[in-house]
Amino acid sequence: MNAFSVISEPVMQSLPALVYLDMQGNSFTCDCDNAWFLQWVITNKQTQVSDAYNFECNFPPNLKGRKLLELDVRSCTVDVGFVCYISTACAVMVVMAVSFTHHFLQWHLVYAYYLLLAFLYNTKHKDKRAHRYDAFVSYNANDEHWVLGELLPKLEDEQGWRLCLHHRDFQPGKPIMENITDAIYGSRKTICVISRDYLASEWCSREIQVASFRLFDEQKDVLILMFLEDIPMQQLSPYHRMRRLLKRQTYLSWSRAVAHPDLFWEKLRQALETREDPAGEHLLLSVGDGIPGERPDQ
C-alpha cells in the first residue's frame, strides 16, 4: 500500500538477503520500465513475492486494472541473435547487389549519371549558350601526335576552323567533367578521333557519352566520327553505344583515305560546314562506308 510504481534492478540488487516481499495494493506502471521487475518476480527463487499474480496496472490508462504478470514484455528486450541475423543477411544482400551492379551495370550507371549532368547543363544554358568553337576534338593522349601533326594544321591553319583541344583550351582548376561539357556544348560540333586507345579510355568514353546525349537530345548533326584505324568487329562489338552511333551517323576513316588524303580533308570540311538542323543536308562521307571491320552484308 505504498507509492512504488516502478521497481528497478539496482533496488532489488541492493537487498541480497531479501526473503519476503509484500507489495499488495501498489499502483504499478505497466510498461518497459517494469519489464525487469516482472521477469524477476517470475524467475527468482530466493525471494517470495506475496500475491504477485494479483498485482494490477494503474498506468497507462488503457491498461488500468490489467494484471501486471499478464504484460507482454517481449518487445522490451532486444534479441541479439535475431538482430545479428538480420544485419548479416542485409550485409550479404548489399554486397551481392553492389557486386552485381559493379560487374554488369557499372557503365550503365556511369552513363546515366553523365547524361543527367549533360541534361542539367543543357537545360540551364539552353537560352544563353553561344558557340565559341567550330568543333571540340575528342581524342586519346596516345593519338595526340596525329591530332597536332595532321588534324590541327589542316583544319585551323589551312581551312580556318576554330578547334577546342584539351591541353590548350580547358580552363585550369575547373572540374574536368565541367570542362568537357562546356567544350561540347560550346562548340558547333564534336569530332571524335577513334582508335583502340580511344575505346579503352575512360575519359574518352565519357566525352562521347555527353556528345551522343547532345546528339539525341537536340536532334542536330553535331557529331563527327573519325576512325584512325580499322577496328575488327570482335573488338568493336562490346561498345554497343558506338555501334548504335555508327548505324545512325556517317563517319570518316583515315586508314582508308591514305591513297586519297585530299578527299578525306574535303569530306571533313563538308562535315563541319553542314547545317545542324535535322532538315539540313545529310552528308554522305564516302571515304568510309559501313561499320569499320564489318562486311557490307552484316
C-alpha atoms as a PDB file:
ATOM      1  CA  MET A   1       0.000   0.000   0.000  1.00  0.00           C
ATOM      2  CA  ASN A   2       2.874   2.382  -0.772  1.00  0.00           C
ATOM      3  CA  ALA A   3       3.742   4.683  -3.717  1.00  0.00           C
ATOM      4  CA  PHE A   4       6.236   2.404  -5.521  1.00  0.00           C
ATOM      5  CA  SER A   5       5.093   2.097  -9.154  1.00  0.00           C
ATOM      6  CA  VAL A   6       8.391   1.095 -10.816  1.00  0.00           C
ATOM      7  CA  ILE A   7      10.858  -1.331  -9.247  1.00  0.00           C
ATOM      8  CA  SER A   8      14.310  -1.097 -10.839  1.00  0.00           C
ATOM      9  CA  GLU A   9      17.069  -3.668 -10.886  1.00  0.00           C
ATOM     10  CA  PRO A  10      19.512  -1.684  -8.689  1.00  0.00           C
ATOM     11  CA  VAL A  11      16.877  -1.502  -5.919  1.00  0.00           C
ATOM     12  CA  MET A  12      16.445  -5.278  -5.735  1.00  0.00           C
ATOM     13  CA  GLN A  13      20.183  -5.931  -6.069  1.00  0.00           C
ATOM     14  CA  SER A  14      20.734  -3.732  -3.021  1.00  0.00           C
ATOM     15  CA  LEU A  15      18.699  -6.261  -0.989  1.00  0.00           C
ATOM     16  CA  PRO A  16      20.631  -9.539  -1.461  1.00  0.00           C
ATOM     17  CA  ALA A  17      19.173 -11.148   1.683  1.00  0.00           C
ATOM     18  CA  LEU A  18      15.537 -10.323   0.940  1.00  0.00           C
ATOM     19  CA  VAL A  19      13.329 -13.354   1.628  1.00  0.00           C
ATOM     20  CA  TYR A  20       9.789 -11.987   1.644  1.00  0.00           C
ATOM     21  CA  LEU A  21       8.300  -9.084  -0.327  1.00  0.00           C
ATOM     22  CA  ASP A  22       4.749  -7.809   0.103  1.00  0.00           C
ATOM     23  CA  MET A  23       3.740  -5.135  -2.444  1.00  0.00           C
ATOM     24  CA  GLN A  24      -0.009  -5.626  -2.450  1.00  0.00           C
ATOM     25  CA  GLY A  25      -2.065  -2.547  -3.158  1.00  0.00           C
ATOM     26  CA  ASN A  26       0.712  -0.764  -5.058  1.00  0.00           C
ATOM     27  CA  SER A  27      -0.089   1.229  -8.209  1.00  0.00           C
ATOM     28  CA  PHE A  28       2.178  -0.344 -10.846  1.00  0.00           C
ATOM     29  CA  THR A  29       3.234   1.165 -14.137  1.00  0.00           C
ATOM     30  CA  CYS A  30       2.786  -1.428 -16.880  1.00  0.00           C
ATOM     31  CA  ASP A  31       5.445  -0.540 -19.444  1.00  0.00           C
ATOM     32  CA  CYS A  32       9.018  -1.444 -20.243  1.00  0.00           C
ATOM     33  CA  ASP A  33      10.269   0.335 -17.108  1.00  0.00           C
ATOM     34  CA  ASN A  34       8.885  -2.590 -15.087  1.00  0.00           C
ATOM     35  CA  ALA A  35       9.925  -5.318 -17.524  1.00  0.00           C
ATOM     36  CA  TRP A  36      12.922  -6.332 -15.400  1.00  0.00           C
ATOM     37  CA  PHE A  37      10.827  -6.486 -12.197  1.00  0.00           C
ATOM     38  CA  LEU A  38       8.194  -8.635 -13.897  1.00  0.00           C
ATOM     39  CA  GLN A  39      10.835 -11.143 -15.041  1.00  0.00           C
ATOM     40  CA  TRP A  40      12.460 -11.082 -11.628  1.00  0.00           C
ATOM     41  CA  VAL A  41       9.167 -11.895  -9.884  1.00  0.00           C
ATOM     42  CA  ILE A  42       8.691 -14.955 -12.108  1.00  0.00           C
ATOM     43  CA  THR A  43      12.234 -16.320 -12.143  1.00  0.00           C
ATOM     44  CA  ASN A  44      13.892 -15.518  -8.816  1.00  0.00           C
ATOM     45  CA  LYS A  45      13.962 -18.390  -6.300  1.00  0.00           C
ATOM     46  CA  GLN A  46      15.279 -16.612  -3.216  1.00  0.00           C
ATOM     47  CA  THR A  47      12.523 -14.073  -2.567  1.00  0.00           C
ATOM     48  CA  GLN A  48       8.872 -14.927  -2.093  1.00  0.00           C
ATOM     49  CA  VAL A  49       6.690 -12.199  -3.616  1.00  0.00           C
ATOM     50  CA  SER A  50       3.330 -12.202  -1.901  1.00  0.00           C
ATOM     51  CA  ASP A  51       0.199 -12.345  -4.083  1.00  0.00           C
ATOM     52  CA  ALA A  52       2.181 -11.306  -7.194  1.00  0.00           C
ATOM     53  CA  TYR A  53      -0.466 -12.678  -9.562  1.00  0.00           C
ATOM     54  CA  ASN A  54      -2.920 -10.039  -8.305  1.00  0.00           C
ATOM     55  CA  PHE A  55      -0.682  -7.023  -8.902  1.00  0.00           C
ATOM     56  CA  GLU A  56      -2.662  -4.615 -11.071  1.00  0.00           C
ATOM     57  CA  CYS A  57      -1.661  -1.935 -13.532  1.00  0.00           C
ATOM     58  CA  ASN A  58      -2.603   1.678 -12.877  1.00  0.00           C
ATOM     59  CA  PHE A  59      -0.740   3.277 -15.763  1.00  0.00           C
ATOM     60  CA  PRO A  60      -1.052   3.770 -18.710  1.00  0.00           C
ATOM     61  CA  PRO A  61      -4.813   4.399 -18.680  1.00  0.00           C
ATOM     62  CA  ASN A  62      -5.567   1.834 -21.412  1.00  0.00           C
ATOM     63  CA  LEU A  63      -4.039  -0.940 -19.235  1.00  0.00           C
ATOM     64  CA  LYS A  64      -5.549   0.153 -15.922  1.00  0.00           C
ATOM     65  CA  GLY A  65      -6.878  -2.830 -13.963  1.00  0.00           C
ATOM     66  CA  ARG A  66      -4.904  -5.366 -16.019  1.00  0.00           C
ATOM     67  CA  LYS A  67      -2.719  -7.888 -14.193  1.00  0.00           C
ATOM     68  CA  LEU A  68       0.957  -6.989 -14.113  1.00  0.00           C
ATOM     69  CA  LEU A  69       2.119 -10.528 -14.866  1.00  0.00           C
ATOM     70  CA  GLU A  70      -0.030 -10.596 -17.998  1.00  0.00           C
ATOM     71  CA  LEU A  71       2.042  -7.805 -19.522  1.00  0.00           C
ATOM     72  CA  ASP A  72       3.899  -8.907 -22.684  1.00  0.00           C
ATOM     73  CA  VAL A  73       7.446  -7.639 -22.281  1.00  0.00           C
ATOM     74  CA  ARG A  74       8.967  -9.345 -25.340  1.00  0.00           C
ATOM     75  CA  SER A  75       9.007  -6.053 -27.199  1.00  0.00           C
ATOM     76  CA  CYS A  76      11.069  -4.514 -24.389  1.00  0.00           C
ATOM     77  CA  THR A  77      14.053  -6.789 -24.888  1.00  0.00           C
ATOM     78  CA  VAL A  78      16.461  -6.914 -27.796  1.00  0.00           C
ATOM     79  CA  ASP A  79      17.040 -10.309 -29.348  1.00  0.00           C
ATOM     80  CA  VAL A  80      20.753 -10.005 -30.092  1.00  0.00           C
ATOM     81  CA  GLY A  81      20.792 -13.207 -32.156  1.00  0.00           C
ATOM     82  CA  PHE A  82      17.921 -12.037 -34.353  1.00  0.00           C
ATOM     83  CA  VAL A  83      19.489  -8.609 -34.805  1.00  0.00           C
ATOM     84  CA  CYS A  84      22.785 -10.229 -35.825  1.00  0.00           C
ATOM     85  CA  TYR A  85      20.941 -12.481 -38.266  1.00  0.00           C
ATOM     86  CA  ILE A  86      19.105  -9.572 -39.866  1.00  0.00           C
ATOM     87  CA  SER A  87      22.267  -7.445 -40.010  1.00  0.00           C
ATOM     88  CA  THR A  88      24.289 -10.245 -41.565  1.00  0.00           C
ATOM     89  CA  ALA A  89      21.571 -11.060 -44.110  1.00  0.00           C
ATOM     90  CA  CYS A  90      21.264  -7.408 -45.104  1.00  0.00           C
ATOM     91  CA  ALA A  91      25.045  -7.058 -45.385  1.00  0.00           C
ATOM     92  CA  VAL A  92      25.258 -10.123 -47.628  1.00  0.00           C
ATOM     93  CA  MET A  93      22.441  -8.841 -49.848  1.00  0.00           C
ATOM     94  CA  VAL A  94      24.069  -5.399 -50.119  1.00  0.00           C
ATOM     95  CA  VAL A  95      27.425  -6.945 -51.055  1.00  0.00           C
ATOM     96  CA  MET A  96      25.758  -9.131 -53.683  1.00  0.00           C
ATOM     97  CA  ALA A  97      23.801  -6.183 -55.087  1.00  0.00           C
ATOM     98  CA  VAL A  98      26.912  -3.969 -55.221  1.00  0.00           C
ATOM     99  CA  SER A  99      28.949  -6.749 -56.851  1.00  0.00           C
ATOM    100  CA  PHE A 100      26.241  -7.404 -59.437  1.00  0.00           C
ATOM    101  CA  THR A 101      25.842  -3.709 -60.172  1.00  0.00           C
ATOM    102  CA  HIS A 102      29.589  -3.162 -60.473  1.00  0.00           C
ATOM    103  CA  HIS A 103      30.077  -6.157 -62.760  1.00  0.00           C
ATOM    104  CA  PHE A 104      27.037  -5.854 -65.026  1.00  0.00           C
ATOM    105  CA  LEU A 105      25.656  -2.314 -64.691  1.00  0.00           C
ATOM    106  CA  GLN A 106      28.687  -0.155 -63.895  1.00  0.00           C
ATOM    107  CA  TRP A 107      28.848   1.624 -67.250  1.00  0.00           C
ATOM    108  CA  HIS A 108      25.066   1.975 -67.427  1.00  0.00           C
ATOM    109  CA  LEU A 109      25.106   3.858 -64.125  1.00  0.00           C
ATOM    110  CA  VAL A 110      28.070   5.993 -65.170  1.00  0.00           C
ATOM    111  CA  TYR A 111      26.354   6.709 -68.468  1.00  0.00           C
ATOM    112  CA  ALA A 112      23.103   7.662 -66.723  1.00  0.00           C
ATOM    113  CA  TYR A 113      24.996   9.926 -64.322  1.00  0.00           C
ATOM    114  CA  TYR A 114      26.753  11.874 -67.054  1.00  0.00           C
ATOM    115  CA  LEU A 115      23.613  12.037 -69.146  1.00  0.00           C
ATOM    116  CA  LEU A 116      21.953  13.673 -66.146  1.00  0.00           C
ATOM    117  CA  LEU A 117      24.815  16.175 -65.860  1.00  0.00           C
ATOM    118  CA  ALA A 118      24.556  16.953 -69.556  1.00  0.00           C
ATOM    119  CA  PHE A 119      20.781  17.314 -69.308  1.00  0.00           C
ATOM    120  CA  LEU A 120      21.083  19.732 -66.378  1.00  0.00           C
ATOM    121  CA  TYR A 121      23.742  21.700 -68.224  1.00  0.00           C
ATOM    122  CA  ASN A 122      21.655  21.795 -71.384  1.00  0.00           C
ATOM    123  CA  THR A 123      18.568  22.970 -69.501  1.00  0.00           C
ATOM    124  CA  LYS A 124      20.493  25.637 -67.612  1.00  0.00           C
ATOM    125  CA  HIS A 125      22.320  27.117 -70.596  1.00  0.00           C
ATOM    126  CA  LYS A 126      19.860  26.430 -73.393  1.00  0.00           C
ATOM    127  CA  ASP A 127      18.833  30.030 -73.996  1.00  0.00           C
ATOM    128  CA  LYS A 128      22.169  31.770 -73.419  1.00  0.00           C
ATOM    129  CA  ARG A 129      24.613  29.293 -74.915  1.00  0.00           C
ATOM    130  CA  ALA A 130      26.952  30.617 -77.652  1.00  0.00           C
ATOM    131  CA  HIS A 131      29.356  28.582 -79.749  1.00  0.00           C
ATOM    132  CA  ARG A 132      32.919  29.696 -79.096  1.00  0.00           C
ATOM    133  CA  TYR A 133      34.404  26.978 -81.282  1.00  0.00           C
ATOM    134  CA  ASP A 134      33.578  25.292 -84.544  1.00  0.00           C
ATOM    135  CA  ALA A 135      34.473  21.870 -83.152  1.00  0.00           C
ATOM    136  CA  PHE A 136      35.653  20.164 -79.971  1.00  0.00           C
ATOM    137  CA  VAL A 137      38.218  17.445 -80.735  1.00  0.00           C
ATOM    138  CA  SER A 138      37.840  14.362 -78.517  1.00  0.00           C
ATOM    139  CA  TYR A 139      40.921  12.149 -78.708  1.00  0.00           C
ATOM    140  CA  ASN A 140      43.181   9.898 -76.657  1.00  0.00           C
ATOM    141  CA  ALA A 141      46.560  11.181 -75.500  1.00  0.00           C
ATOM    142  CA  ASN A 142      48.294   8.400 -77.460  1.00  0.00           C
ATOM    143  CA  ASP A 143      46.836   9.867 -80.668  1.00  0.00           C
ATOM    144  CA  GLU A 144      47.886  13.432 -79.869  1.00  0.00           C
ATOM    145  CA  HIS A 145      50.779  13.327 -82.346  1.00  0.00           C
ATOM    146  CA  TRP A 146      48.287  12.769 -85.199  1.00  0.00           C
ATOM    147  CA  VAL A 147      45.906  15.436 -83.938  1.00  0.00           C
ATOM    148  CA  LEU A 148      48.674  18.035 -83.583  1.00  0.00           C
ATOM    149  CA  GLY A 149      50.631  16.976 -86.639  1.00  0.00           C
ATOM    150  CA  GLU A 150      47.828  16.280 -89.135  1.00  0.00           C
ATOM    151  CA  LEU A 151      44.397  17.453 -87.969  1.00  0.00           C
ATOM    152  CA  LEU A 152      45.247  20.767 -86.323  1.00  0.00           C
ATOM    153  CA  PRO A 153      47.367  22.265 -89.150  1.00  0.00           C
ATOM    154  CA  LYS A 154      44.832  21.204 -91.778  1.00  0.00           C
ATOM    155  CA  LEU A 155      41.682  22.441 -90.040  1.00  0.00           C
ATOM    156  CA  GLU A 156      42.965  25.538 -88.238  1.00  0.00           C
ATOM    157  CA  ASP A 157      45.839  26.766 -90.404  1.00  0.00           C
ATOM    158  CA  GLU A 158      44.537  25.875 -93.864  1.00  0.00           C
ATOM    159  CA  GLN A 159      40.744  25.808 -93.509  1.00  0.00           C
ATOM    160  CA  GLY A 160      40.426  28.393 -90.723  1.00  0.00           C
ATOM    161  CA  TRP A 161      38.257  26.451 -88.238  1.00  0.00           C
ATOM    162  CA  ARG A 162      38.407  27.225 -84.522  1.00  0.00           C
ATOM    163  CA  LEU A 163      39.066  23.993 -82.611  1.00  0.00           C
ATOM    164  CA  CYS A 164      38.828  23.243 -78.898  1.00  0.00           C
ATOM    165  CA  LEU A 165      41.587  20.947 -77.568  1.00  0.00           C
ATOM    166  CA  HIS A 166      42.083  19.552 -74.057  1.00  0.00           C
ATOM    167  CA  HIS A 167      45.631  20.707 -73.396  1.00  0.00           C
ATOM    168  CA  ARG A 168      45.146  24.158 -74.868  1.00  0.00           C
ATOM    169  CA  ASP A 169      41.601  25.320 -74.155  1.00  0.00           C
ATOM    170  CA  PHE A 170      40.438  23.611 -70.953  1.00  0.00           C
ATOM    171  CA  GLN A 171      40.197  26.013 -68.013  1.00  0.00           C
ATOM    172  CA  PRO A 172      42.787  25.211 -65.275  1.00  0.00           C
ATOM    173  CA  GLY A 173      41.348  24.383 -61.848  1.00  0.00           C
ATOM    174  CA  LYS A 174      37.902  23.608 -63.220  1.00  0.00           C
ATOM    175  CA  PRO A 175      36.482  20.066 -62.748  1.00  0.00           C
ATOM    176  CA  ILE A 176      37.307  18.029 -65.830  1.00  0.00           C
ATOM    177  CA  MET A 177      33.687  16.991 -66.462  1.00  0.00           C
ATOM    178  CA  GLU A 178      32.625  20.632 -66.436  1.00  0.00           C
ATOM    179  CA  ASN A 179      35.400  21.414 -68.917  1.00  0.00           C
ATOM    180  CA  ILE A 180      34.249  18.553 -71.146  1.00  0.00           C
ATOM    181  CA  THR A 181      30.594  19.593 -71.005  1.00  0.00           C
ATOM    182  CA  ASP A 182      31.452  23.264 -71.642  1.00  0.00           C
ATOM    183  CA  ALA A 183      33.630  22.269 -74.596  1.00  0.00           C
ATOM    184  CA  ILE A 184      30.997  20.017 -76.194  1.00  0.00           C
ATOM    185  CA  TYR A 185      28.104  22.438 -75.763  1.00  0.00           C
ATOM    186  CA  GLY A 186      30.314  25.442 -76.535  1.00  0.00           C
ATOM    187  CA  SER A 187      31.230  24.014 -79.949  1.00  0.00           C
ATOM    188  CA  ARG A 188      29.067  23.633 -83.024  1.00  0.00           C
ATOM    189  CA  LYS A 189      30.234  20.058 -83.463  1.00  0.00           C
ATOM    190  CA  THR A 190      32.302  17.370 -81.780  1.00  0.00           C
ATOM    191  CA  ILE A 191      34.967  15.417 -83.666  1.00  0.00           C
ATOM    192  CA  CYS A 192      35.741  12.029 -82.084  1.00  0.00           C
ATOM    193  CA  VAL A 193      39.123  10.692 -83.183  1.00  0.00           C
ATOM    194  CA  ILE A 194      38.573   6.984 -82.571  1.00  0.00           C
ATOM    195  CA  SER A 195      41.257   4.354 -82.144  1.00  0.00           C
ATOM    196  CA  ARG A 196      41.752   1.277 -79.972  1.00  0.00           C
ATOM    197  CA  ASP A 197      43.263   3.503 -77.292  1.00  0.00           C
ATOM    198  CA  TYR A 198      40.252   5.804 -77.532  1.00  0.00           C
ATOM    199  CA  LEU A 199      37.822   2.955 -76.930  1.00  0.00           C
ATOM    200  CA  ALA A 200      39.809   1.821 -73.879  1.00  0.00           C
ATOM    201  CA  SER A 201      39.938   5.296 -72.323  1.00  0.00           C
ATOM    202  CA  GLU A 202      37.505   6.129 -69.515  1.00  0.00           C
ATOM    203  CA  TRP A 203      37.600   9.889 -70.159  1.00  0.00           C
ATOM    204  CA  CYS A 204      37.130   9.464 -73.916  1.00  0.00           C
ATOM    205  CA  SER A 205      34.141   7.245 -73.167  1.00  0.00           C
ATOM    206  CA  ARG A 206      32.630   9.998 -71.040  1.00  0.00           C
ATOM    207  CA  GLU A 207      33.234  12.583 -73.749  1.00  0.00           C
ATOM    208  CA  ILE A 208      31.428  10.565 -76.387  1.00  0.00           C
ATOM    209  CA  GLN A 209      28.629   9.853 -73.910  1.00  0.00           C
ATOM    210  CA  VAL A 210      27.978  13.569 -73.405  1.00  0.00           C
ATOM    211  CA  ALA A 211      28.327  14.234 -77.131  1.00  0.00           C
ATOM    212  CA  SER A 212      25.885  11.436 -78.010  1.00  0.00           C
ATOM    213  CA  PHE A 213      23.417  12.766 -75.436  1.00  0.00           C
ATOM    214  CA  ARG A 214      23.576  16.163 -77.116  1.00  0.00           C
ATOM    215  CA  LEU A 215      23.065  14.464 -80.480  1.00  0.00           C
ATOM    216  CA  PHE A 216      19.954  12.552 -79.359  1.00  0.00           C
ATOM    217  CA  ASP A 217      18.591  15.412 -77.243  1.00  0.00           C
ATOM    218  CA  GLU A 218      18.933  18.230 -79.778  1.00  0.00           C
ATOM    219  CA  GLN A 219      18.387  16.044 -82.850  1.00  0.00           C
ATOM    220  CA  LYS A 220      21.088  18.006 -84.656  1.00  0.00           C
ATOM    221  CA  ASP A 221      24.036  16.944 -86.775  1.00  0.00           C
ATOM    222  CA  VAL A 222      26.628  17.768 -84.093  1.00  0.00           C
ATOM    223  CA  LEU A 223      28.814  14.638 -84.054  1.00  0.00           C
ATOM    224  CA  ILE A 224      31.568  13.621 -86.484  1.00  0.00           C
ATOM    225  CA  LEU A 225      33.118  10.174 -86.047  1.00  0.00           C
ATOM    226  CA  MET A 226      36.631   9.729 -87.410  1.00  0.00           C
ATOM    227  CA  PHE A 227      38.406   6.341 -87.266  1.00  0.00           C
ATOM    228  CA  LEU A 228      42.198   6.460 -87.302  1.00  0.00           C
ATOM    229  CA  GLU A 229      42.420   2.679 -87.835  1.00  0.00           C
ATOM    230  CA  ASP A 230      40.241  -0.211 -88.901  1.00  0.00           C
ATOM    231  CA  ILE A 231      38.959  -1.943 -85.804  1.00  0.00           C
ATOM    232  CA  PRO A 232      37.915  -5.612 -86.138  1.00  0.00           C
ATOM    233  CA  MET A 233      34.320  -6.440 -85.337  1.00  0.00           C
ATOM    234  CA  GLN A 234      35.200  -8.556 -82.300  1.00  0.00           C
ATOM    235  CA  GLN A 235      36.908  -5.529 -80.726  1.00  0.00           C
ATOM    236  CA  LEU A 236      34.137  -3.101 -81.603  1.00  0.00           C
ATOM    237  CA  SER A 237      31.144  -5.252 -80.635  1.00  0.00           C
ATOM    238  CA  PRO A 238      31.436  -4.706 -76.825  1.00  0.00           C
ATOM    239  CA  TYR A 239      30.939  -0.974 -77.415  1.00  0.00           C
ATOM    240  CA  HIS A 240      27.234  -1.231 -78.221  1.00  0.00           C
ATOM    241  CA  ARG A 241      26.777   2.525 -77.885  1.00  0.00           C
ATOM    242  CA  MET A 242      29.450   3.109 -80.516  1.00  0.00           C
ATOM    243  CA  ARG A 243      27.771   0.605 -82.838  1.00  0.00           C
ATOM    244  CA  ARG A 244      24.448   2.337 -82.348  1.00  0.00           C
ATOM    245  CA  LEU A 245      26.022   5.657 -83.259  1.00  0.00           C
ATOM    246  CA  LEU A 246      27.653   4.163 -86.340  1.00  0.00           C
ATOM    247  CA  LYS A 247      24.314   2.839 -87.575  1.00  0.00           C
ATOM    248  CA  ARG A 248      22.879   6.370 -87.361  1.00  0.00           C
ATOM    249  CA  GLN A 249      25.924   8.513 -88.161  1.00  0.00           C
ATOM    250  CA  THR A 250      28.194   8.550 -91.175  1.00  0.00           C
ATOM    251  CA  TYR A 251      31.892   8.543 -90.402  1.00  0.00           C
ATOM    252  CA  LEU A 252      35.371   9.134 -91.827  1.00  0.00           C
ATOM    253  CA  SER A 253      38.142   6.551 -91.980  1.00  0.00           C
ATOM    254  CA  TRP A 254      41.738   7.809 -92.069  1.00  0.00           C
ATOM    255  CA  SER A 255      43.195   4.349 -92.734  1.00  0.00           C
ATOM    256  CA  ARG A 256      41.081   4.032 -95.890  1.00  0.00           C
ATOM    257  CA  ALA A 257      41.934   7.553 -97.039  1.00  0.00           C
ATOM    258  CA  VAL A 258      45.717   7.128 -97.236  1.00  0.00           C
ATOM    259  CA  ALA A 259      45.562   6.899-101.027  1.00  0.00           C
ATOM    260  CA  HIS A 260      43.260   9.950-101.246  1.00  0.00           C
ATOM    261  CA  PRO A 261      44.069  12.302 -98.323  1.00  0.00           C
ATOM    262  CA  ASP A 262      42.696  15.337-100.140  1.00  0.00           C
ATOM    263  CA  LEU A 263      39.312  13.651-100.397  1.00  0.00           C
ATOM    264  CA  PHE A 264      39.423  12.907 -96.654  1.00  0.00           C
ATOM    265  CA  TRP A 265      40.055  16.548 -95.724  1.00  0.00           C
ATOM    266  CA  GLU A 266      37.435  17.744 -98.184  1.00  0.00           C
ATOM    267  CA  LYS A 267      34.825  15.427 -96.660  1.00  0.00           C
ATOM    268  CA  LEU A 268      35.775  16.615 -93.190  1.00  0.00           C
ATOM    269  CA  ARG A 269      35.425  20.228 -94.306  1.00  0.00           C
ATOM    270  CA  GLN A 270      31.992  19.453 -95.704  1.00  0.00           C
ATOM    271  CA  ALA A 271      31.014  17.754 -92.457  1.00  0.00           C
ATOM    272  CA  LEU A 272      31.992  20.840 -90.485  1.00  0.00           C
ATOM    273  CA  GLU A 273      30.065  23.082 -92.865  1.00  0.00           C
ATOM    274  CA  THR A 274      26.776  21.143 -92.875  1.00  0.00           C
ATOM    275  CA  ARG A 275      23.876  22.712 -91.052  1.00  0.00           C
ATOM    276  CA  GLU A 276      22.978  21.352 -87.618  1.00  0.00           C
ATOM    277  CA  ASP A 277      19.215  21.218 -88.021  1.00  0.00           C
ATOM    278  CA  PRO A 278      17.635  17.860 -88.985  1.00  0.00           C
ATOM    279  CA  ALA A 279      16.290  19.358 -92.210  1.00  0.00           C
ATOM    280  CA  GLY A 280      19.790  20.232 -93.353  1.00  0.00           C
ATOM    281  CA  GLU A 281      21.729  18.361 -95.985  1.00  0.00           C
ATOM    282  CA  HIS A 282      22.648  14.820 -94.949  1.00  0.00           C
ATOM    283  CA  LEU A 283      26.312  14.436 -95.844  1.00  0.00           C
ATOM    284  CA  LEU A 284      27.488  11.112 -97.265  1.00  0.00           C
ATOM    285  CA  LEU A 285      31.056  10.575 -96.163  1.00  0.00           C
ATOM    286  CA  SER A 286      32.044   8.151 -98.866  1.00  0.00           C
ATOM    287  CA  VAL A 287      35.587   7.831 -97.565  1.00  0.00           C
ATOM    288  CA  GLY A 288      34.279   5.187 -95.159  1.00  0.00           C
ATOM    289  CA  ASP A 289      31.059   3.197 -95.644  1.00  0.00           C
ATOM    290  CA  GLY A 290      29.630   0.716 -93.173  1.00  0.00           C
ATOM    291  CA  ILE A 291      30.945  -0.133 -89.744  1.00  0.00           C
ATOM    292  CA  PRO A 292      34.753  -0.451 -89.518  1.00  0.00           C
ATOM    293  CA  GLY A 293      35.791  -4.078 -89.674  1.00  0.00           C
ATOM    294  CA  GLU A 294      32.297  -5.190 -90.708  1.00  0.00           C
ATOM    295  CA  ARG A 295      31.382  -6.692 -94.074  1.00  0.00           C
ATOM    296  CA  PRO A 296      28.757  -4.812 -96.103  1.00  0.00           C
ATOM    297  CA  ASP A 297      26.290  -7.684 -95.686  1.00  0.00           C
ATOM    298  CA  GLN A 298      26.482  -7.625 -91.874  1.00  0.00           C
END
